[in-house]
């Protein structure tokens, strides 16, 4: 028995919807991993950098400022 053409199109559309969902999930996970890796790389040492910059700003002999 031959299937009508509209039934084949419905099956193809369902398969494409599932593939789109899988592609979306994979793309989202890749973006999240890259973002977290970038943030981890950028955040390492940034606190010490800002602390050094703050200390350099308050190193005026006429001031008695201290960083907390």
PDB file of N, CA and C in Angstrom:
ATOM      1  N   UNK A   1       0.839  -1.173   0.000  1.00  0.00           N
ATOM      2  CA  UNK A   1       0.000   0.000   0.000  1.00  0.00           C
ATOM      3  C   UNK A   1       0.889   1.243   0.000  1.00  0.00           C
ATOM      4  N   UNK A   2       0.555   2.204  -0.804  1.00  0.00           N
ATOM      5  CA  UNK A   2       1.338   3.425  -0.950  1.00  0.00           C
ATOM      6  C   UNK A   2       0.799   4.486   0.002  1.00  0.00           C
ATOM      7  N   UNK A   3       1.725   5.133   0.742  1.00  0.00           N
ATOM      8  CA  UNK A   3       1.316   6.188   1.655  1.00  0.00           C
ATOM      9  C   UNK A   3       1.064   7.474   0.879  1.00  0.00           C
ATOM     10  N   UNK A   4       0.077   8.231   1.313  1.00  0.00           N
ATOM     11  CA  UNK A   4      -0.128   9.539   0.678  1.00  0.00           C
ATOM     12  C   UNK A   4       1.053  10.469   0.971  1.00  0.00           C
ATOM     13  N   UNK A   5       1.271  11.427   0.111  1.00  0.00           N
ATOM     14  CA  UNK A   5       2.420  12.331   0.220  1.00  0.00           C
ATOM     15  C   UNK A   5       2.356  13.179   1.483  1.00  0.00           C
ATOM     16  N   UNK A   6       1.146  13.544   1.932  1.00  0.00           N
ATOM     17  CA  UNK A   6       1.051  14.405   3.124  1.00  0.00           C
ATOM     18  C   UNK A   6       1.491  13.681   4.390  1.00  0.00           C
ATOM     19  N   UNK A   7       1.349  12.349   4.445  1.00  0.00           N
ATOM     20  CA  UNK A   7       1.815  11.597   5.610  1.00  0.00           C
ATOM     21  C   UNK A   7       3.338  11.591   5.672  1.00  0.00           C
ATOM     22  N   UNK A   8       3.989  11.462   4.529  1.00  0.00           N
ATOM     23  CA  UNK A   8       5.450  11.510   4.499  1.00  0.00           C
ATOM     24  C   UNK A   8       5.955  12.880   4.956  1.00  0.00           C
ATOM     25  N   UNK A   9       5.270  13.938   4.546  1.00  0.00           N
ATOM     26  CA  UNK A   9       5.689  15.284   4.936  1.00  0.00           C
ATOM     27  C   UNK A   9       5.535  15.479   6.445  1.00  0.00           C
ATOM     28  N   UNK A  10       4.486  14.907   7.039  1.00  0.00           N
ATOM     29  CA  UNK A  10       4.301  15.021   8.487  1.00  0.00           C
ATOM     30  C   UNK A  10       5.427  14.309   9.230  1.00  0.00           C
ATOM     31  N   UNK A  11       5.822  13.146   8.765  1.00  0.00           N
ATOM     32  CA  UNK A  11       6.916  12.401   9.391  1.00  0.00           C
ATOM     33  C   UNK A  11       8.218  13.182   9.264  1.00  0.00           C
ATOM     34  N   UNK A  12       8.475  13.751   8.099  1.00  0.00           N
ATOM     35  CA  UNK A  12       9.690  14.543   7.890  1.00  0.00           C
ATOM     36  C   UNK A  12       9.686  15.767   8.800  1.00  0.00           C
ATOM     37  N   UNK A  13       8.532  16.435   8.932  1.00  0.00           N
ATOM     38  CA  UNK A  13       8.444  17.607   9.798  1.00  0.00           C
ATOM     39  C   UNK A  13       8.713  17.243  11.250  1.00  0.00           C
ATOM     40  N   UNK A  14       8.184  16.095  11.715  1.00  0.00           N
ATOM     41  CA  UNK A  14       8.447  15.658  13.087  1.00  0.00           C
ATOM     42  C   UNK A  14       9.927  15.378  13.292  1.00  0.00           C
ATOM     43  N   UNK A  15      10.559  14.743  12.315  1.00  0.00           N
ATOM     44  CA  UNK A  15      11.992  14.456  12.417  1.00  0.00           C
ATOM     45  C   UNK A  15      12.806  15.752  12.451  1.00  0.00           C
ATOM     46  N   UNK A  16      12.398  16.731  11.652  1.00  0.00           N
ATOM     47  CA  UNK A  16      13.123  18.006  11.621  1.00  0.00           C
ATOM     48  C   UNK A  16      12.942  18.760  12.933  1.00  0.00           C
ATOM     49  N   UNK A  17      11.768  18.672  13.541  1.00  0.00           N
ATOM     50  CA  UNK A  17      11.552  19.315  14.841  1.00  0.00           C
ATOM     51  C   UNK A  17      12.468  18.701  15.899  1.00  0.00           C
ATOM     52  N   UNK A  18      12.584  17.404  15.907  1.00  0.00           N
ATOM     53  CA  UNK A  18      13.459  16.738  16.859  1.00  0.00           C
ATOM     54  C   UNK A  18      14.920  17.082  16.624  1.00  0.00           C
ATOM     55  N   UNK A  19      15.308  17.154  15.364  1.00  0.00           N
ATOM     56  CA  UNK A  19      16.684  17.503  15.038  1.00  0.00           C
ATOM     57  C   UNK A  19      16.973  18.945  15.442  1.00  0.00           C
ATOM     58  N   UNK A  20      16.011  19.830  15.247  1.00  0.00           N
ATOM     59  CA  UNK A  20      16.194  21.230  15.639  1.00  0.00           C
ATOM     60  C   UNK A  20      16.386  21.343  17.152  1.00  0.00           C
ATOM     61  N   UNK A  21      15.622  20.568  17.908  1.00  0.00           N
ATOM     62  CA  UNK A  21      15.759  20.579  19.371  1.00  0.00           C
ATOM     63  C   UNK A  21      17.134  20.085  19.789  1.00  0.00           C
ATOM     64  N   UNK A  22      17.598  19.012  19.194  1.00  0.00           N
ATOM     65  CA  UNK A  22      18.918  18.468  19.519  1.00  0.00           C
ATOM     66  C   UNK A  22      20.010  19.469  19.164  1.00  0.00           C
ATOM     67  N   UNK A  23      19.899  20.096  17.996  1.00  0.00           N
ATOM     68  CA  UNK A  23      20.889  21.098  17.589  1.00  0.00           C
ATOM     69  C   UNK A  23      20.886  22.279  18.554  1.00  0.00           C
ATOM     70  N   UNK A  24      19.707  22.708  18.983  1.00  0.00           N
ATOM     71  CA  UNK A  24      19.603  23.828  19.914  1.00  0.00           C
ATOM     72  C   UNK A  24      20.269  23.490  21.240  1.00  0.00           C
ATOM     73  N   UNK A  25      20.000  22.314  21.765  1.00  0.00           N
ATOM     74  CA  UNK A  25      20.581  21.904  23.050  1.00  0.00           C
ATOM     75  C   UNK A  25      22.099  21.811  22.940  1.00  0.00           C
ATOM     76  N   UNK A  26      22.595  21.226  21.857  1.00  0.00           N
ATOM     77  CA  UNK A  26      24.047  21.115  21.688  1.00  0.00           C
ATOM     78  C   UNK A  26      24.702  22.485  21.535  1.00  0.00           C
ATOM     79  N   UNK A  27      24.081  23.364  20.756  1.00  0.00           N
ATOM     80  CA  UNK A  27      24.625  24.707  20.570  1.00  0.00           C
ATOM     81  C   UNK A  27      24.615  25.490  21.878  1.00  0.00           C
ATOM     82  N   UNK A  28      23.537  25.378  22.637  1.00  0.00           N
ATOM     83  CA  UNK A  28      23.441  26.062  23.927  1.00  0.00           C
ATOM     84  C   UNK A  28      24.497  25.553  24.896  1.00  0.00           C
ATOM     85  N   UNK A  29      24.722  24.250  24.928  1.00  0.00           N
ATOM     86  CA  UNK A  29      25.730  23.700  25.840  1.00  0.00           C
ATOM     87  C   UNK A  29      27.136  24.130  25.430  1.00  0.00           C
ATOM     88  N   UNK A  30      27.412  24.208  24.142  1.00  0.00           N
ATOM     89  CA  UNK A  30      28.727  24.668  23.684  1.00  0.00           C
ATOM     90  C   UNK A  30      28.940  26.124  24.072  1.00  0.00           C
ATOM     91  N   UNK A  31      27.926  26.951  23.896  1.00  0.00           N
ATOM     92  CA  UNK A  31      28.020  28.362  24.259  1.00  0.00           C
ATOM     93  C   UNK A  31      28.242  28.512  25.759  1.00  0.00           C
ATOM     94  N   UNK A  32      27.546  27.718  26.564  1.00  0.00           N
ATOM     95  CA  UNK A  32      27.708  27.799  28.012  1.00  0.00           C
ATOM     96  C   UNK A  32      29.115  27.394  28.437  1.00  0.00           C
ATOM     97  N   UNK A  33      29.639  26.330  27.853  1.00  0.00           N
ATOM     98  CA  UNK A  33      30.984  25.864  28.214  1.00  0.00           C
ATOM     99  C   UNK A  33      32.025  26.914  27.824  1.00  0.00           C
ATOM    100  N   UNK A  34      31.884  27.495  26.643  1.00  0.00           N
ATOM    101  CA  UNK A  34      32.821  28.534  26.216  1.00  0.00           C
ATOM    102  C   UNK A  34      32.733  29.766  27.113  1.00  0.00           C
ATOM    103  N   UNK A  35      31.528  30.162  27.469  1.00  0.00           N
ATOM    104  CA  UNK A  35      31.351  31.337  28.327  1.00  0.00           C
ATOM    105  C   UNK A  35      31.955  31.104  29.714  1.00  0.00           C
ATOM    106  N   UNK A  36      31.687  29.955  30.293  1.00  0.00           N
ATOM    107  CA  UNK A  36      32.244  29.657  31.617  1.00  0.00           C
ATOM    108  C   UNK A  36      33.771  29.573  31.575  1.00  0.00           C
ATOM    109  N   UNK A  37      34.300  28.998  30.519  1.00  0.00           N
ATOM    110  CA  UNK A  37      35.753  28.942  30.372  1.00  0.00           C
ATOM    111  C   UNK A  37      36.362  30.325  30.233  1.00  0.00           C
ATOM    112  N   UNK A  38      35.710  31.181  29.461  1.00  0.00           N
ATOM    113  CA  UNK A  38      36.193  32.553  29.285  1.00  0.00           C
ATOM    114  C   UNK A  38      36.142  33.317  30.604  1.00  0.00           C
ATOM    115  N   UNK A  39      35.040  33.185  31.327  1.00  0.00           N
ATOM    116  CA  UNK A  39      34.920  33.876  32.612  1.00  0.00           C
ATOM    117  C   UNK A  39      35.964  33.391  33.615  1.00  0.00           C
ATOM    118  N   UNK A  40      36.208  32.097  33.632  1.00  0.00           N
ATOM    119  CA  UNK A  40      37.210  31.554  34.560  1.00  0.00           C
ATOM    120  C   UNK A  40      38.589  32.095  34.209  1.00  0.00           C
ATOM    121  N   UNK A  41      38.890  32.186  32.919  1.00  0.00           N
ATOM    122  CA  UNK A  41      40.190  32.697  32.481  1.00  0.00           C
ATOM    123  C   UNK A  41      40.344  34.175  32.825  1.00  0.00           C
ATOM    124  N   UNK A  42      39.306  34.950  32.595  1.00  0.00           N
ATOM    125  CA  UNK A  42      39.367  36.386  32.840  1.00  0.00           C
ATOM    126  C   UNK A  42      39.423  36.684  34.332  1.00  0.00           C
ATOM    127  N   UNK A  43      38.685  35.939  35.127  1.00  0.00           N
ATOM    128  CA  UNK A  43      38.598  36.235  36.555  1.00  0.00           C
ATOM    129  C   UNK A  43      39.841  35.841  37.344  1.00  0.00           C
ATOM    130  N   UNK A  44      40.689  34.987  36.792  1.00  0.00           N
ATOM    131  CA  UNK A  44      41.882  34.611  37.539  1.00  0.00           C
ATOM    132  C   UNK A  44      42.853  35.787  37.569  1.00  0.00           C
ATOM    133  N   UNK A  45      43.185  36.211  38.745  1.00  0.00           N
ATOM    134  CA  UNK A  45      44.145  37.289  38.907  1.00  0.00           C
ATOM    135  C   UNK A  45      43.563  38.681  38.816  1.00  0.00           C
ATOM    136  N   UNK A  46      42.282  38.826  38.535  1.00  0.00           N
ATOM    137  CA  UNK A  46      41.716  40.166  38.402  1.00  0.00           C
ATOM    138  C   UNK A  46      41.618  40.859  39.755  1.00  0.00           C
ATOM    139  N   UNK A  47      41.396  40.094  40.809  1.00  0.00           N
ATOM    140  CA  UNK A  47      41.305  40.681  42.156  1.00  0.00           C
ATOM    141  C   UNK A  47      42.659  41.253  42.569  1.00  0.00           C
ATOM    142  N   UNK A  48      43.731  40.532  42.307  1.00  0.00           N
ATOM    143  CA  UNK A  48      45.059  41.044  42.662  1.00  0.00           C
ATOM    144  C   UNK A  48      45.411  42.266  41.822  1.00  0.00           C
ATOM    145  N   UNK A  49      44.976  42.276  40.563  1.00  0.00           N
ATOM    146  CA  UNK A  49      45.221  43.438  39.700  1.00  0.00           C
ATOM    147  C   UNK A  49      44.545  44.683  40.272  1.00  0.00           C
ATOM    148  N   UNK A  50      43.272  44.569  40.648  1.00  0.00           N
ATOM    149  CA  UNK A  50      42.547  45.723  41.189  1.00  0.00           C
ATOM    150  C   UNK A  50      43.107  46.142  42.550  1.00  0.00           C
ATOM    151  N   UNK A  51      43.562  45.199  43.343  1.00  0.00           N
ATOM    152  CA  UNK A  51      44.169  45.523  44.631  1.00  0.00           C
ATOM    153  C   UNK A  51      45.465  46.320  44.432  1.00  0.00           C
ATOM    154  N   UNK A  52      46.287  45.899  43.485  1.00  0.00           N
ATOM    155  CA  UNK A  52      47.518  46.632  43.181  1.00  0.00           C
ATOM    156  C   UNK A  52      47.212  48.032  42.664  1.00  0.00           C
ATOM    157  N   UNK A  53      46.188  48.156  41.806  1.00  0.00           N
ATOM    158  CA  UNK A  53      45.811  49.479  41.293  1.00  0.00           C
ATOM    159  C   UNK A  53      45.322  50.380  42.426  1.00  0.00           C
ATOM    160  N   UNK A  54      44.536  49.826  43.343  1.00  0.00           N
ATOM    161  CA  UNK A  54      44.047  50.601  44.479  1.00  0.00           C
ATOM    162  C   UNK A  54      45.170  51.032  45.400  1.00  0.00           C
ATOM    163  N   UNK A  55      46.127  50.142  45.629  1.00  0.00           N
ATOM    164  CA  UNK A  55      47.261  50.488  46.480  1.00  0.00           C
ATOM    165  C   UNK A  55      48.113  51.581  45.838  1.00  0.00           C
ATOM    166  N   UNK A  56      48.249  51.518  44.531  1.00  0.00           N
ATOM    167  CA  UNK A  56      49.015  52.541  43.843  1.00  0.00           C
ATOM    168  C   UNK A  56      48.324  53.905  43.956  1.00  0.00           C
ATOM    169  N   UNK A  57      47.003  53.900  43.944  1.00  0.00           N
ATOM    170  CA  UNK A  57      46.270  55.159  44.055  1.00  0.00           C
ATOM    171  C   UNK A  57      46.356  55.778  45.447  1.00  0.00           C
ATOM    172  N   UNK A  58      46.445  54.955  46.487  1.00  0.00           N
ATOM    173  CA  UNK A  58      46.469  55.483  47.858  1.00  0.00           C
ATOM    174  C   UNK A  58      47.883  55.607  48.428  1.00  0.00           C
ATOM    175  N   UNK A  59      48.912  55.488  47.591  1.00  0.00           N
ATOM    176  CA  UNK A  59      50.280  55.583  48.069  1.00  0.00           C
ATOM    177  C   UNK A  59      50.763  57.024  48.197  1.00  0.00           C
ATOM    178  N   UNK A  60      49.874  57.935  48.432  1.00  0.00           N
ATOM    179  CA  UNK A  60      50.239  59.336  48.633  1.00  0.00           C
ATOM    180  C   UNK A  60      50.704  59.504  50.083  1.00  0.00           C
ATOM    181  N   UNK A  61      51.900  60.098  50.269  1.00  0.00           N
ATOM    182  CA  UNK A  61      52.465  60.234  51.616  1.00  0.00           C
ATOM    183  C   UNK A  61      51.650  61.170  52.498  1.00  0.00           C
ATOM    184  N   UNK A  62      50.936  62.110  51.894  1.00  0.00           N
ATOM    185  CA  UNK A  62      50.158  63.042  52.693  1.00  0.00           C
ATOM    186  C   UNK A  62      48.818  62.445  53.171  1.00  0.00           C
ATOM    187  N   UNK A  63      48.466  61.293  52.655  1.00  0.00           N
ATOM    188  CA  UNK A  63      47.215  60.639  53.020  1.00  0.00           C
ATOM    189  C   UNK A  63      47.498  59.454  53.930  1.00  0.00           C
ATOM    190  N   UNK A  64      46.556  59.121  54.769  1.00  0.00           N
ATOM    191  CA  UNK A  64      46.670  57.923  55.608  1.00  0.00           C
ATOM    192  C   UNK A  64      45.528  56.971  55.278  1.00  0.00           C
ATOM    193  N   UNK A  65      45.376  56.654  54.022  1.00  0.00           N
ATOM    194  CA  UNK A  65      44.301  55.760  53.585  1.00  0.00           C
ATOM    195  C   UNK A  65      44.794  54.320  53.591  1.00  0.00           C
ATOM    196  N   UNK A  66      43.884  53.408  53.840  1.00  0.00           N
ATOM    197  CA  UNK A  66      44.184  51.995  53.801  1.00  0.00           C
ATOM    198  C   UNK A  66      43.095  51.263  53.057  1.00  0.00           C
ATOM    199  N   UNK A  67      43.468  50.285  52.291  1.00  0.00           N
ATOM    200  CA  UNK A  67      42.484  49.436  51.621  1.00  0.00           C
ATOM    201  C   UNK A  67      42.035  48.338  52.565  1.00  0.00           C
ATOM    202  N   UNK A  68      40.751  48.013  52.528  1.00  0.00           N
ATOM    203  CA  UNK A  68      40.243  46.940  53.390  1.00  0.00           C
ATOM    204  C   UNK A  68      40.168  45.653  52.626  1.00  0.00           C
TER     205      UNK A  68
END
